[in-house]
C-alpha atoms as a PDB file:
ATOM      1  CA  MET A   1      19.437  -3.434   7.917  1.00  0.00           C
ATOM      2  CA  TYR A   2      22.189  -1.582   6.609  1.00  0.00           C
ATOM      3  CA  ALA A   3      25.137   1.213   7.498  1.00  0.00           C
ATOM      4  CA  ARG A   4      26.557   3.671   6.110  1.00  0.00           C
ATOM      5  CA  ALA A   5      29.715   6.419   7.001  1.00  0.00           C
ATOM      6  CA  TYR A   6      28.935   9.756   6.123  1.00  0.00           C
ATOM      7  CA  HIS A   7      31.432  12.956   6.503  1.00  0.00           C
ATOM      8  CA  HIS A   8      28.200  14.587   7.917  1.00  0.00           C
ATOM      9  CA  LEU A   9      24.955  14.407   9.094  1.00  0.00           C
ATOM     10  CA  ILE A  10      22.440  16.857   9.594  1.00  0.00           C
ATOM     11  CA  LEU A  11      19.506  16.212  12.111  1.00  0.00           C
ATOM     12  CA  PRO A  12      15.846  17.711  11.681  1.00  0.00           C
ATOM     13  CA  ASP A  13      16.850  20.629  14.218  1.00  0.00           C
ATOM     14  CA  GLY A  14      19.858  21.768  12.221  1.00  0.00           C
ATOM     15  CA  THR A  15      22.287  20.050  14.499  1.00  0.00           C
ATOM     16  CA  ILE A  16      25.389  19.050  12.464  1.00  0.00           C
ATOM     17  CA  HIS A  17      27.552  16.103  13.401  1.00  0.00           C
ATOM     18  CA  SER A  18      30.850  14.969  11.356  1.00  0.00           C
ATOM     19  CA  LEU A  19      32.199  11.735  10.725  1.00  0.00           C
ATOM     20  CA  VAL A  20      29.376   9.605  11.544  1.00  0.00           C
ATOM     21  CA  VAL A  21      27.976   5.760  10.801  1.00  0.00           C
ATOM     22  CA  VAL A  22      24.023   6.051  10.286  1.00  0.00           C
ATOM     23  CA  ARG A  23      22.243   2.711  10.562  1.00  0.00           C
ATOM     24  CA  PHE A  24      19.055   2.347   8.153  1.00  0.00           C
ATOM     25  CA  ASP A  25      16.205  -0.408   8.370  1.00  0.00           C
ATOM     26  CA  ASP A  26      15.553  -2.254   5.201  1.00  0.00           C
ATOM     27  CA  ASP A  27      13.332   0.555   4.074  1.00  0.00           C
ATOM     28  CA  GLY A  28      15.781   3.126   4.173  1.00  0.00           C
ATOM     29  CA  LYS A  29      14.367   4.614   7.371  1.00  0.00           C
ATOM     30  CA  VAL A  30      17.111   6.165   9.754  1.00  0.00           C
ATOM     31  CA  LEU A  31      17.381   4.107  12.982  1.00  0.00           C
ATOM     32  CA  ASP A  32      20.074   5.548  14.811  1.00  0.00           C
ATOM     33  CA  PHE A  33      23.518   7.175  14.474  1.00  0.00           C
ATOM     34  CA  HIS A  34      27.085   6.855  16.000  1.00  0.00           C
ATOM     35  CA  PRO A  35      30.403   8.692  15.858  1.00  0.00           C
ATOM     36  CA  LEU A  36      32.803   7.031  13.261  1.00  0.00           C
ATOM     37  CA  GLN A  37      35.835   5.506  15.407  1.00  0.00           C
ATOM     38  CA  GLY A  38      37.505   3.383  12.704  1.00  0.00           C
ATOM     39  CA  GLU A  39      36.969   0.798  10.396  1.00  0.00           C
ATOM     40  CA  GLU A  40      33.869  -1.093  11.320  1.00  0.00           C
ATOM     41  CA  PRO A  41      32.608  -4.170   9.738  1.00  0.00           C
ATOM     42  CA  PHE A  42      29.592  -4.125   7.116  1.00  0.00           C
ATOM     43  CA  VAL A  43      29.364  -0.387   6.858  1.00  0.00           C
ATOM     44  CA  GLU A  44      29.758   1.510   3.713  1.00  0.00           C
ATOM     45  CA  TRP A  45      31.362   4.817   3.286  1.00  0.00           C
ATOM     46  CA  GLU A  46      29.048   7.125   1.452  1.00  0.00           C
ATOM     47  CA  GLY A  47      31.070  10.335   2.064  1.00  0.00           C
ATOM     48  CA  GLY A  48      29.091  13.384   1.483  1.00  0.00           C
ATOM     49  CA  THR A  49      26.262  14.992   3.910  1.00  0.00           C
ATOM     50  CA  LEU A  50      23.111  13.158   4.756  1.00  0.00           C
ATOM     51  CA  ASP A  51      20.435  15.820   5.301  1.00  0.00           C
ATOM     52  CA  LEU A  52      17.755  14.786   7.289  1.00  0.00           C
ATOM     53  CA  ARG A  53      15.749  18.151   7.588  1.00  0.00           C
ATOM     54  CA  LYS A  54      12.246  17.901   5.920  1.00  0.00           C
ATOM     55  CA  ASN A  55      13.148  20.467   3.240  1.00  0.00           C
ATOM     56  CA  ALA A  56      16.035  17.966   2.148  1.00  0.00           C
ATOM     57  CA  SER A  57      15.036  16.338  -1.262  1.00  0.00           C
ATOM     58  CA  ASP A  58      15.900  13.001  -0.435  1.00  0.00           C
ATOM     59  CA  PRO A  59      16.858  11.906   3.052  1.00  0.00           C
ATOM     60  CA  THR A  60      18.397   8.758   2.469  1.00  0.00           C
ATOM     61  CA  SER A  61      21.081   9.995  -0.269  1.00  0.00           C
ATOM     62  CA  ALA A  62      24.260  12.099   0.240  1.00  0.00           C
ATOM     63  CA  SER A  63      24.985  15.257  -1.292  1.00  0.00           C
END
């Protein structure tokens, strides 16, 4: 499991969340997310936007 922080997260229904930490399983699938509230241990800052909509080309890469 690993966690990354993003400026924006777009959910499959189009809902946009800002400044979030997203936790992934070892295969890169999203487990959950929560608001970024400051420096967190073991969280890598990715920045950009993570787009989880079905039409996104690669849901595990930030744009």
